[in-house]
Amino acid sequence: MSQEMNDPASWRVMYDSANPSAIPNGALMVAGYVYPSRYAAAWLGPEGFARFPDRPHVHITVAGREPNAELASVVDVESGAFTPRQARAFIRERGFFRPGSATVYVDESNLASVLRACSGLDYWIWLAWWLGAEPSLAAVQSIQDELAPYKTVRLAAWQHSTTPGYDISSVIDPRWHSK
């Protein structure tokens, strides 16, 4: 684990929501939805990404027959969204568009399925595991150890808390969506 990843004080806080107006104005990093998601119109309007002009934006695809790897860097793998097999296709397509930028959002119960389905590909993991607080260094190291055999899979962020209006993630790797 890099020095920055060992220092929770250097982790960035990212907010995501189906309702972008619920995200605090001071958010330094935001994640939202692109078409064909039913939430895309809100995110692409004045209350969405436009509210955060100088902050990193993370674009998520959650709906459609196939995920759009040009509009989004994150494919959502959970019930009602995409499957691990579709994530594999997304990672490959995203790799042609922007190499090394594909991210799979997945909860801890589906992580092993994604790792198997996407074996051999280069991508990031945004892990959803609601602890109610920022993960400990030991928890991060445990996930890093689980990812280690896959060599080209990196832990980007950990979604750990939810509120009535938005979710909160710790962005653990400083290289992920750094601009």
N, C-alpha and C. Protein backbone atom coordinates (compact mmCIF):
# COMPACT_ATOMS: atom_id res chain seq x y z
N MET A 1 0.85 -1.16 0.00
CA MET A 1 0.00 0.00 0.00
C MET A 1 0.90 1.23 0.00
N SER A 2 0.57 2.22 -0.84
CA SER A 2 1.38 3.43 -0.92
C SER A 2 1.27 4.23 0.36
N GLN A 3 2.22 5.15 0.56
CA GLN A 3 2.23 5.98 1.77
C GLN A 3 0.92 6.77 1.93
N GLU A 4 0.42 7.35 0.80
CA GLU A 4 -0.82 8.12 0.87
C GLU A 4 -1.99 7.23 1.30
N MET A 5 -2.02 6.01 0.82
CA MET A 5 -3.11 5.10 1.16
C MET A 5 -3.04 4.70 2.63
N ASN A 6 -1.84 4.77 3.23
CA ASN A 6 -1.66 4.43 4.64
C ASN A 6 -2.08 5.56 5.56
N ASP A 7 -2.39 6.71 5.00
CA ASP A 7 -2.72 7.88 5.81
C ASP A 7 -4.16 8.30 5.57
N PRO A 8 -5.09 7.87 6.44
CA PRO A 8 -6.49 8.25 6.24
C PRO A 8 -6.71 9.77 6.13
N ALA A 9 -5.81 10.55 6.69
CA ALA A 9 -5.94 12.01 6.58
C ALA A 9 -5.81 12.48 5.12
N SER A 10 -5.16 11.67 4.28
CA SER A 10 -5.00 12.05 2.87
C SER A 10 -6.14 11.52 2.00
N TRP A 11 -7.01 10.69 2.54
CA TRP A 11 -8.13 10.16 1.76
C TRP A 11 -9.12 11.28 1.47
N ARG A 12 -9.62 11.32 0.26
CA ARG A 12 -10.63 12.31 -0.10
C ARG A 12 -12.02 11.76 0.24
N VAL A 13 -12.94 12.67 0.49
CA VAL A 13 -14.33 12.30 0.76
C VAL A 13 -15.13 12.58 -0.51
N MET A 14 -15.90 11.58 -0.94
CA MET A 14 -16.73 11.71 -2.14
C MET A 14 -18.19 11.46 -1.76
N TYR A 15 -19.06 12.25 -2.35
CA TYR A 15 -20.50 12.13 -2.11
C TYR A 15 -21.18 11.66 -3.40
N ASP A 16 -22.17 10.80 -3.27
CA ASP A 16 -23.00 10.43 -4.42
C ASP A 16 -24.45 10.35 -3.98
N SER A 17 -25.35 10.58 -4.94
CA SER A 17 -26.77 10.59 -4.63
C SER A 17 -27.57 10.52 -5.91
N ALA A 18 -28.78 9.97 -5.82
CA ALA A 18 -29.72 10.05 -6.94
C ALA A 18 -30.26 11.47 -7.06
N ASN A 19 -30.17 12.22 -5.98
CA ASN A 19 -30.66 13.61 -5.93
C ASN A 19 -29.47 14.53 -5.68
N PRO A 20 -28.87 15.09 -6.71
CA PRO A 20 -27.65 15.88 -6.52
C PRO A 20 -27.83 17.10 -5.63
N SER A 21 -29.04 17.67 -5.55
CA SER A 21 -29.23 18.84 -4.70
C SER A 21 -29.10 18.50 -3.22
N ALA A 22 -29.13 17.20 -2.87
CA ALA A 22 -28.96 16.78 -1.48
C ALA A 22 -27.49 16.80 -1.04
N ILE A 23 -26.58 16.82 -1.99
CA ILE A 23 -25.16 16.79 -1.66
C ILE A 23 -24.72 18.15 -1.11
N PRO A 24 -23.95 18.15 -0.03
CA PRO A 24 -23.51 19.42 0.55
C PRO A 24 -22.73 20.28 -0.46
N ASN A 25 -22.96 21.59 -0.40
CA ASN A 25 -22.29 22.51 -1.32
C ASN A 25 -20.77 22.43 -1.23
N GLY A 26 -20.24 22.13 -0.06
CA GLY A 26 -18.80 22.08 0.13
C GLY A 26 -18.14 20.78 -0.30
N ALA A 27 -18.88 19.88 -0.90
CA ALA A 27 -18.31 18.58 -1.31
C ALA A 27 -17.12 18.81 -2.24
N LEU A 28 -16.02 18.15 -1.95
CA LEU A 28 -14.82 18.31 -2.76
C LEU A 28 -14.73 17.32 -3.92
N MET A 29 -15.61 16.30 -3.90
CA MET A 29 -15.63 15.29 -4.95
C MET A 29 -17.04 14.72 -5.01
N VAL A 30 -17.60 14.60 -6.22
CA VAL A 30 -18.97 14.11 -6.36
C VAL A 30 -19.05 13.02 -7.42
N ALA A 31 -19.99 12.11 -7.21
CA ALA A 31 -20.27 11.06 -8.18
C ALA A 31 -21.75 11.11 -8.52
N GLY A 32 -22.07 11.01 -9.81
CA GLY A 32 -23.46 11.06 -10.24
C GLY A 32 -23.68 10.25 -11.49
N TYR A 33 -24.89 10.30 -12.00
CA TYR A 33 -25.34 9.38 -13.02
C TYR A 33 -25.43 10.01 -14.40
N VAL A 34 -25.20 9.17 -15.41
CA VAL A 34 -25.32 9.59 -16.81
C VAL A 34 -26.39 8.75 -17.49
N TYR A 35 -26.81 9.19 -18.67
CA TYR A 35 -27.84 8.45 -19.42
C TYR A 35 -27.35 7.06 -19.75
N PRO A 36 -28.26 6.09 -19.72
CA PRO A 36 -29.71 6.20 -19.67
C PRO A 36 -30.31 6.13 -18.26
N SER A 37 -29.54 6.38 -17.23
CA SER A 37 -30.09 6.36 -15.87
C SER A 37 -31.23 7.37 -15.73
N ARG A 38 -32.23 6.99 -14.96
CA ARG A 38 -33.35 7.91 -14.73
C ARG A 38 -32.93 9.11 -13.89
N TYR A 39 -31.76 9.06 -13.27
CA TYR A 39 -31.25 10.17 -12.47
C TYR A 39 -30.36 11.12 -13.28
N ALA A 40 -30.07 10.78 -14.51
CA ALA A 40 -29.12 11.56 -15.31
C ALA A 40 -29.56 13.01 -15.52
N ALA A 41 -30.83 13.24 -15.78
CA ALA A 41 -31.30 14.60 -16.04
C ALA A 41 -30.98 15.53 -14.87
N ALA A 42 -31.17 15.05 -13.66
CA ALA A 42 -30.86 15.87 -12.49
C ALA A 42 -29.37 16.17 -12.40
N TRP A 43 -28.54 15.16 -12.69
CA TRP A 43 -27.10 15.35 -12.60
C TRP A 43 -26.56 16.23 -13.72
N LEU A 44 -27.20 16.21 -14.86
CA LEU A 44 -26.72 16.99 -15.99
C LEU A 44 -27.32 18.39 -16.02
N GLY A 45 -28.24 18.68 -15.09
CA GLY A 45 -28.84 20.01 -14.96
C GLY A 45 -28.03 20.90 -14.03
N PRO A 46 -28.54 22.10 -13.74
CA PRO A 46 -27.80 23.08 -12.94
C PRO A 46 -27.55 22.66 -11.48
N GLU A 47 -28.36 21.75 -10.93
CA GLU A 47 -28.16 21.30 -9.56
C GLU A 47 -27.21 20.10 -9.46
N GLY A 48 -26.73 19.62 -10.60
CA GLY A 48 -25.88 18.45 -10.62
C GLY A 48 -24.40 18.79 -10.67
N PHE A 49 -23.71 18.22 -11.65
CA PHE A 49 -22.26 18.44 -11.76
C PHE A 49 -21.91 19.92 -11.86
N ALA A 50 -22.79 20.72 -12.44
CA ALA A 50 -22.53 22.16 -12.61
C ALA A 50 -22.33 22.88 -11.28
N ARG A 51 -22.90 22.36 -10.20
CA ARG A 51 -22.71 22.97 -8.87
C ARG A 51 -21.30 22.81 -8.35
N PHE A 52 -20.55 21.92 -8.95
CA PHE A 52 -19.20 21.59 -8.47
C PHE A 52 -18.20 21.73 -9.63
N PRO A 53 -18.05 22.94 -10.17
CA PRO A 53 -17.29 23.10 -11.42
C PRO A 53 -15.80 22.78 -11.32
N ASP A 54 -15.19 22.98 -10.19
CA ASP A 54 -13.74 22.79 -10.08
C ASP A 54 -13.36 21.57 -9.26
N ARG A 55 -14.29 20.64 -9.14
CA ARG A 55 -14.04 19.46 -8.33
C ARG A 55 -14.14 18.21 -9.20
N PRO A 56 -13.46 17.15 -8.81
CA PRO A 56 -13.56 15.93 -9.61
C PRO A 56 -14.99 15.40 -9.69
N HIS A 57 -15.38 15.00 -10.89
CA HIS A 57 -16.69 14.40 -11.14
C HIS A 57 -16.49 12.94 -11.53
N VAL A 58 -17.26 12.07 -10.96
CA VAL A 58 -17.23 10.65 -11.28
C VAL A 58 -18.57 10.31 -11.91
N HIS A 59 -18.55 9.77 -13.12
CA HIS A 59 -19.78 9.47 -13.85
C HIS A 59 -20.08 7.98 -13.77
N ILE A 60 -21.32 7.66 -13.37
CA ILE A 60 -21.74 6.28 -13.13
C ILE A 60 -22.83 5.88 -14.13
N THR A 61 -22.73 4.67 -14.67
CA THR A 61 -23.79 4.11 -15.48
C THR A 61 -24.44 2.98 -14.69
N VAL A 62 -25.78 3.03 -14.60
CA VAL A 62 -26.50 2.03 -13.80
C VAL A 62 -27.62 1.35 -14.57
N ALA A 63 -27.91 1.82 -15.77
CA ALA A 63 -29.09 1.30 -16.46
C ALA A 63 -28.84 1.20 -17.96
N GLY A 64 -29.67 0.42 -18.60
CA GLY A 64 -29.56 0.23 -20.04
C GLY A 64 -29.26 -1.21 -20.37
N ARG A 65 -29.32 -1.53 -21.65
CA ARG A 65 -29.01 -2.91 -22.05
C ARG A 65 -27.53 -3.19 -21.87
N GLU A 66 -26.69 -2.21 -22.20
CA GLU A 66 -25.25 -2.34 -22.03
C GLU A 66 -24.72 -1.04 -21.44
N PRO A 67 -23.75 -1.10 -20.54
CA PRO A 67 -23.20 0.12 -19.97
C PRO A 67 -22.44 0.94 -21.01
N ASN A 68 -22.53 2.26 -20.91
CA ASN A 68 -21.87 3.16 -21.86
C ASN A 68 -20.50 3.56 -21.32
N ALA A 69 -19.46 3.04 -21.93
CA ALA A 69 -18.09 3.26 -21.45
C ALA A 69 -17.51 4.58 -21.89
N GLU A 70 -18.20 5.32 -22.74
CA GLU A 70 -17.70 6.65 -23.11
C GLU A 70 -18.30 7.73 -22.22
N LEU A 71 -19.51 7.55 -21.76
CA LEU A 71 -20.14 8.54 -20.88
C LEU A 71 -19.74 8.36 -19.42
N ALA A 72 -19.45 7.15 -19.03
CA ALA A 72 -19.18 6.85 -17.62
C ALA A 72 -17.87 6.11 -17.46
N SER A 73 -17.23 6.34 -16.31
CA SER A 73 -16.02 5.57 -15.98
C SER A 73 -16.36 4.48 -14.96
N VAL A 74 -17.56 4.54 -14.38
CA VAL A 74 -17.97 3.57 -13.35
C VAL A 74 -19.18 2.78 -13.83
N VAL A 75 -19.09 1.46 -13.73
CA VAL A 75 -20.22 0.59 -14.00
C VAL A 75 -20.73 0.06 -12.66
N ASP A 76 -22.01 0.17 -12.45
CA ASP A 76 -22.66 -0.24 -11.20
C ASP A 76 -23.05 -1.72 -11.30
N VAL A 77 -22.47 -2.55 -10.45
CA VAL A 77 -22.79 -3.98 -10.43
C VAL A 77 -23.50 -4.28 -9.12
N GLU A 78 -24.82 -4.38 -9.23
CA GLU A 78 -25.66 -4.74 -8.09
C GLU A 78 -27.02 -5.12 -8.63
N SER A 79 -27.89 -5.61 -7.76
CA SER A 79 -29.23 -5.99 -8.16
C SER A 79 -29.93 -4.80 -8.81
N GLY A 80 -30.52 -5.02 -9.98
CA GLY A 80 -31.21 -3.96 -10.69
C GLY A 80 -30.31 -3.13 -11.58
N ALA A 81 -29.02 -3.43 -11.59
CA ALA A 81 -28.08 -2.70 -12.44
C ALA A 81 -27.41 -3.71 -13.37
N PHE A 82 -26.10 -3.69 -13.45
CA PHE A 82 -25.39 -4.57 -14.36
C PHE A 82 -24.83 -5.81 -13.66
N THR A 83 -24.50 -6.81 -14.46
CA THR A 83 -23.96 -8.07 -13.95
C THR A 83 -22.43 -8.05 -14.03
N PRO A 84 -21.76 -8.96 -13.32
CA PRO A 84 -20.30 -9.05 -13.46
C PRO A 84 -19.86 -9.28 -14.92
N ARG A 85 -20.62 -10.06 -15.67
CA ARG A 85 -20.27 -10.30 -17.08
C ARG A 85 -20.36 -9.00 -17.89
N GLN A 86 -21.38 -8.19 -17.63
CA GLN A 86 -21.49 -6.90 -18.30
C GLN A 86 -20.37 -5.96 -17.87
N ALA A 87 -19.95 -6.08 -16.62
CA ALA A 87 -18.82 -5.27 -16.15
C ALA A 87 -17.57 -5.60 -16.95
N ARG A 88 -17.37 -6.86 -17.25
CA ARG A 88 -16.20 -7.26 -18.04
C ARG A 88 -16.22 -6.57 -19.41
N ALA A 89 -17.37 -6.57 -20.07
CA ALA A 89 -17.48 -5.91 -21.37
C ALA A 89 -17.24 -4.40 -21.23
N PHE A 90 -17.78 -3.81 -20.16
CA PHE A 90 -17.58 -2.38 -19.91
C PHE A 90 -16.10 -2.06 -19.74
N ILE A 91 -15.39 -2.83 -18.93
CA ILE A 91 -13.97 -2.59 -18.68
C ILE A 91 -13.18 -2.64 -19.99
N ARG A 92 -13.47 -3.63 -20.80
CA ARG A 92 -12.77 -3.75 -22.09
C ARG A 92 -13.07 -2.55 -22.98
N GLU A 93 -14.35 -2.16 -23.07
CA GLU A 93 -14.73 -1.03 -23.91
C GLU A 93 -14.13 0.27 -23.37
N ARG A 94 -14.18 0.46 -22.07
CA ARG A 94 -13.61 1.66 -21.46
C ARG A 94 -12.10 1.71 -21.70
N GLY A 95 -11.46 0.56 -21.69
CA GLY A 95 -10.02 0.47 -21.95
C GLY A 95 -9.63 0.97 -23.33
N PHE A 96 -10.49 0.77 -24.31
CA PHE A 96 -10.24 1.30 -25.65
C PHE A 96 -10.41 2.82 -25.67
N PHE A 97 -11.37 3.31 -24.90
CA PHE A 97 -11.68 4.74 -24.87
C PHE A 97 -10.68 5.52 -24.00
N ARG A 98 -10.52 5.09 -22.76
CA ARG A 98 -9.58 5.72 -21.82
C ARG A 98 -8.92 4.62 -21.00
N PRO A 99 -7.77 4.12 -21.47
CA PRO A 99 -7.11 3.00 -20.79
C PRO A 99 -6.86 3.27 -19.30
N GLY A 100 -7.13 2.26 -18.49
CA GLY A 100 -6.86 2.33 -17.06
C GLY A 100 -7.86 3.11 -16.23
N SER A 101 -8.98 3.55 -16.85
CA SER A 101 -9.92 4.39 -16.11
C SER A 101 -11.20 3.68 -15.69
N ALA A 102 -11.40 2.45 -16.12
CA ALA A 102 -12.64 1.73 -15.78
C ALA A 102 -12.69 1.41 -14.29
N THR A 103 -13.89 1.58 -13.73
CA THR A 103 -14.12 1.29 -12.32
C THR A 103 -15.40 0.47 -12.19
N VAL A 104 -15.35 -0.52 -11.32
CA VAL A 104 -16.54 -1.31 -11.01
C VAL A 104 -16.99 -0.95 -9.59
N TYR A 105 -18.21 -0.44 -9.48
CA TYR A 105 -18.84 -0.21 -8.18
C TYR A 105 -19.52 -1.52 -7.81
N VAL A 106 -19.15 -2.09 -6.66
CA VAL A 106 -19.68 -3.39 -6.27
C VAL A 106 -19.71 -3.49 -4.75
N ASP A 107 -20.74 -4.18 -4.23
CA ASP A 107 -20.78 -4.39 -2.78
C ASP A 107 -19.95 -5.61 -2.42
N GLU A 108 -19.64 -5.73 -1.15
CA GLU A 108 -18.72 -6.77 -0.71
C GLU A 108 -19.25 -8.17 -1.01
N SER A 109 -20.56 -8.36 -1.05
CA SER A 109 -21.11 -9.70 -1.30
C SER A 109 -20.95 -10.13 -2.75
N ASN A 110 -20.73 -9.19 -3.65
CA ASN A 110 -20.55 -9.52 -5.07
C ASN A 110 -19.11 -9.35 -5.55
N LEU A 111 -18.21 -8.95 -4.67
CA LEU A 111 -16.83 -8.69 -5.06
C LEU A 111 -16.16 -9.91 -5.69
N ALA A 112 -16.30 -11.07 -5.07
CA ALA A 112 -15.66 -12.28 -5.61
C ALA A 112 -16.16 -12.61 -7.01
N SER A 113 -17.45 -12.42 -7.25
CA SER A 113 -18.02 -12.68 -8.58
C SER A 113 -17.44 -11.73 -9.63
N VAL A 114 -17.27 -10.47 -9.26
CA VAL A 114 -16.68 -9.50 -10.18
C VAL A 114 -15.22 -9.86 -10.45
N LEU A 115 -14.49 -10.19 -9.41
CA LEU A 115 -13.08 -10.55 -9.60
C LEU A 115 -12.92 -11.74 -10.53
N ARG A 116 -13.78 -12.74 -10.39
CA ARG A 116 -13.72 -13.91 -11.28
C ARG A 116 -14.10 -13.52 -12.71
N ALA A 117 -15.20 -12.79 -12.86
CA ALA A 117 -15.69 -12.45 -14.21
C ALA A 117 -14.74 -11.52 -14.95
N CYS A 118 -14.01 -10.70 -14.22
CA CYS A 118 -13.16 -9.67 -14.85
C CYS A 118 -11.68 -9.99 -14.74
N SER A 119 -11.36 -11.23 -14.44
CA SER A 119 -9.98 -11.66 -14.28
C SER A 119 -9.16 -11.31 -15.53
N GLY A 120 -7.95 -10.81 -15.29
CA GLY A 120 -7.04 -10.48 -16.38
C GLY A 120 -7.19 -9.06 -16.91
N LEU A 121 -8.18 -8.33 -16.44
CA LEU A 121 -8.41 -6.97 -16.92
C LEU A 121 -7.86 -5.94 -15.93
N ASP A 122 -7.60 -4.75 -16.43
CA ASP A 122 -7.06 -3.64 -15.64
C ASP A 122 -8.20 -2.70 -15.27
N TYR A 123 -8.50 -2.61 -13.96
CA TYR A 123 -9.61 -1.76 -13.52
C TYR A 123 -9.50 -1.43 -12.03
N TRP A 124 -10.34 -0.50 -11.63
CA TRP A 124 -10.45 -0.06 -10.24
C TRP A 124 -11.70 -0.67 -9.60
N ILE A 125 -11.67 -0.79 -8.28
CA ILE A 125 -12.85 -1.19 -7.50
C ILE A 125 -13.28 -0.02 -6.62
N TRP A 126 -14.56 0.27 -6.69
CA TRP A 126 -15.20 1.18 -5.72
C TRP A 126 -16.09 0.27 -4.90
N LEU A 127 -15.65 -0.04 -3.71
CA LEU A 127 -16.30 -1.03 -2.86
C LEU A 127 -17.41 -0.40 -2.02
N ALA A 128 -18.58 -1.01 -2.05
CA ALA A 128 -19.69 -0.59 -1.19
C ALA A 128 -19.77 -1.56 -0.02
N TRP A 129 -19.45 -1.06 1.13
CA TRP A 129 -19.53 -1.87 2.34
C TRP A 129 -19.83 -0.90 3.46
N TRP A 130 -21.10 -0.86 3.84
CA TRP A 130 -21.58 0.17 4.74
C TRP A 130 -21.21 -0.13 6.19
N LEU A 131 -20.14 0.47 6.61
CA LEU A 131 -19.63 0.31 7.97
C LEU A 131 -20.19 1.37 8.90
N GLY A 132 -20.71 2.45 8.33
CA GLY A 132 -21.20 3.56 9.12
C GLY A 132 -20.12 4.57 9.47
N ALA A 133 -18.89 4.27 9.07
CA ALA A 133 -17.75 5.16 9.33
C ALA A 133 -16.64 4.79 8.34
N GLU A 134 -15.67 5.65 8.26
CA GLU A 134 -14.52 5.39 7.39
C GLU A 134 -13.88 4.04 7.74
N PRO A 135 -13.44 3.29 6.71
CA PRO A 135 -12.82 1.99 7.01
C PRO A 135 -11.48 2.18 7.74
N SER A 136 -11.13 1.19 8.52
CA SER A 136 -9.83 1.22 9.20
C SER A 136 -8.73 0.83 8.21
N LEU A 137 -7.51 1.15 8.57
CA LEU A 137 -6.37 0.74 7.73
C LEU A 137 -6.33 -0.79 7.62
N ALA A 138 -6.64 -1.48 8.69
CA ALA A 138 -6.64 -2.95 8.66
C ALA A 138 -7.69 -3.47 7.67
N ALA A 139 -8.87 -2.84 7.63
CA ALA A 139 -9.91 -3.26 6.68
C ALA A 139 -9.46 -2.99 5.25
N VAL A 140 -8.86 -1.83 5.01
CA VAL A 140 -8.35 -1.51 3.67
C VAL A 140 -7.28 -2.52 3.26
N GLN A 141 -6.37 -2.83 4.17
CA GLN A 141 -5.31 -3.80 3.87
C GLN A 141 -5.90 -5.17 3.57
N SER A 142 -6.95 -5.56 4.28
CA SER A 142 -7.59 -6.84 4.04
C SER A 142 -8.16 -6.92 2.62
N ILE A 143 -8.80 -5.84 2.17
CA ILE A 143 -9.33 -5.81 0.80
C ILE A 143 -8.18 -5.78 -0.20
N GLN A 144 -7.13 -5.02 0.10
CA GLN A 144 -5.97 -4.99 -0.80
C GLN A 144 -5.38 -6.41 -0.93
N ASP A 145 -5.33 -7.13 0.16
CA ASP A 145 -4.82 -8.50 0.13
C ASP A 145 -5.71 -9.39 -0.74
N GLU A 146 -7.02 -9.19 -0.66
CA GLU A 146 -7.95 -9.96 -1.49
C GLU A 146 -7.77 -9.65 -2.98
N LEU A 147 -7.43 -8.39 -3.28
CA LEU A 147 -7.24 -7.97 -4.67
C LEU A 147 -5.85 -8.34 -5.22
N ALA A 148 -4.88 -8.53 -4.34
CA ALA A 148 -3.48 -8.74 -4.74
C ALA A 148 -3.28 -9.82 -5.80
N PRO A 149 -3.93 -10.98 -5.72
CA PRO A 149 -3.70 -12.00 -6.76
C PRO A 149 -4.12 -11.54 -8.15
N TYR A 150 -4.93 -10.51 -8.24
CA TYR A 150 -5.44 -10.04 -9.53
C TYR A 150 -4.57 -8.95 -10.15
N LYS A 151 -3.47 -8.62 -9.54
CA LYS A 151 -2.41 -7.72 -9.97
C LYS A 151 -2.83 -6.42 -10.66
N THR A 152 -3.84 -6.42 -11.52
CA THR A 152 -4.22 -5.20 -12.24
C THR A 152 -5.53 -4.61 -11.72
N VAL A 153 -5.93 -5.03 -10.53
CA VAL A 153 -7.15 -4.52 -9.90
C VAL A 153 -6.72 -3.70 -8.68
N ARG A 154 -7.24 -2.47 -8.61
CA ARG A 154 -6.84 -1.57 -7.54
C ARG A 154 -8.07 -1.07 -6.78
N LEU A 155 -7.92 -0.92 -5.48
CA LEU A 155 -9.00 -0.36 -4.67
C LEU A 155 -8.95 1.16 -4.78
N ALA A 156 -10.00 1.74 -5.35
CA ALA A 156 -10.06 3.19 -5.53
C ALA A 156 -10.73 3.86 -4.34
N ALA A 157 -11.90 3.35 -3.99
CA ALA A 157 -12.73 4.01 -2.98
C ALA A 157 -13.56 2.99 -2.23
N TRP A 158 -14.06 3.43 -1.08
CA TRP A 158 -14.87 2.58 -0.22
C TRP A 158 -16.09 3.39 0.22
N GLN A 159 -17.27 2.98 -0.27
CA GLN A 159 -18.51 3.63 0.17
C GLN A 159 -18.89 3.01 1.51
N HIS A 160 -18.89 3.84 2.56
CA HIS A 160 -19.02 3.29 3.90
C HIS A 160 -20.23 3.80 4.68
N SER A 161 -20.81 4.91 4.26
CA SER A 161 -21.91 5.49 5.04
C SER A 161 -23.02 5.97 4.12
N THR A 162 -24.23 5.91 4.64
CA THR A 162 -25.38 6.41 3.90
C THR A 162 -26.20 7.31 4.82
N THR A 163 -26.80 8.33 4.22
CA THR A 163 -27.67 9.24 4.94
C THR A 163 -28.99 9.25 4.17
N PRO A 164 -30.01 9.92 4.65
CA PRO A 164 -31.26 9.99 3.88
C PRO A 164 -31.10 10.65 2.50
N GLY A 165 -30.08 11.49 2.32
CA GLY A 165 -29.94 12.19 1.05
C GLY A 165 -28.78 11.77 0.17
N TYR A 166 -27.75 11.18 0.74
CA TYR A 166 -26.56 10.86 -0.06
C TYR A 166 -25.73 9.78 0.64
N ASP A 167 -24.80 9.22 -0.13
CA ASP A 167 -23.85 8.24 0.38
C ASP A 167 -22.48 8.90 0.46
N ILE A 168 -21.64 8.36 1.33
CA ILE A 168 -20.30 8.91 1.53
C ILE A 168 -19.27 7.80 1.30
N SER A 169 -18.24 8.14 0.54
CA SER A 169 -17.14 7.22 0.26
C SER A 169 -15.82 7.86 0.64
N SER A 170 -14.88 7.03 1.04
CA SER A 170 -13.49 7.46 1.21
C SER A 170 -12.75 7.05 -0.06
N VAL A 171 -12.14 8.03 -0.71
CA VAL A 171 -11.32 7.74 -1.89
C VAL A 171 -9.92 7.47 -1.37
N ILE A 172 -9.54 6.22 -1.43
CA ILE A 172 -8.34 5.74 -0.77
C ILE A 172 -7.09 5.92 -1.64
N ASP A 173 -7.23 5.72 -2.92
CA ASP A 173 -6.07 5.84 -3.81
C ASP A 173 -6.05 7.23 -4.43
N PRO A 174 -5.00 8.01 -4.18
CA PRO A 174 -4.95 9.38 -4.70
C PRO A 174 -4.88 9.47 -6.22
N ARG A 175 -4.57 8.39 -6.90
CA ARG A 175 -4.50 8.41 -8.37
C ARG A 175 -5.86 8.34 -9.03
N TRP A 176 -6.88 7.89 -8.30
CA TRP A 176 -8.21 7.69 -8.89
C TRP A 176 -8.93 9.03 -8.99
N HIS A 177 -9.34 9.39 -10.19
CA HIS A 177 -10.05 10.65 -10.45
C HIS A 177 -9.38 11.82 -9.74
N SER A 178 -8.09 11.95 -9.98
CA SER A 178 -7.31 12.99 -9.31
C SER A 178 -7.51 14.37 -9.94
N LYS A 179 -8.08 14.42 -11.12
CA LYS A 179 -8.28 15.71 -11.79
C LYS A 179 -9.73 16.10 -11.79
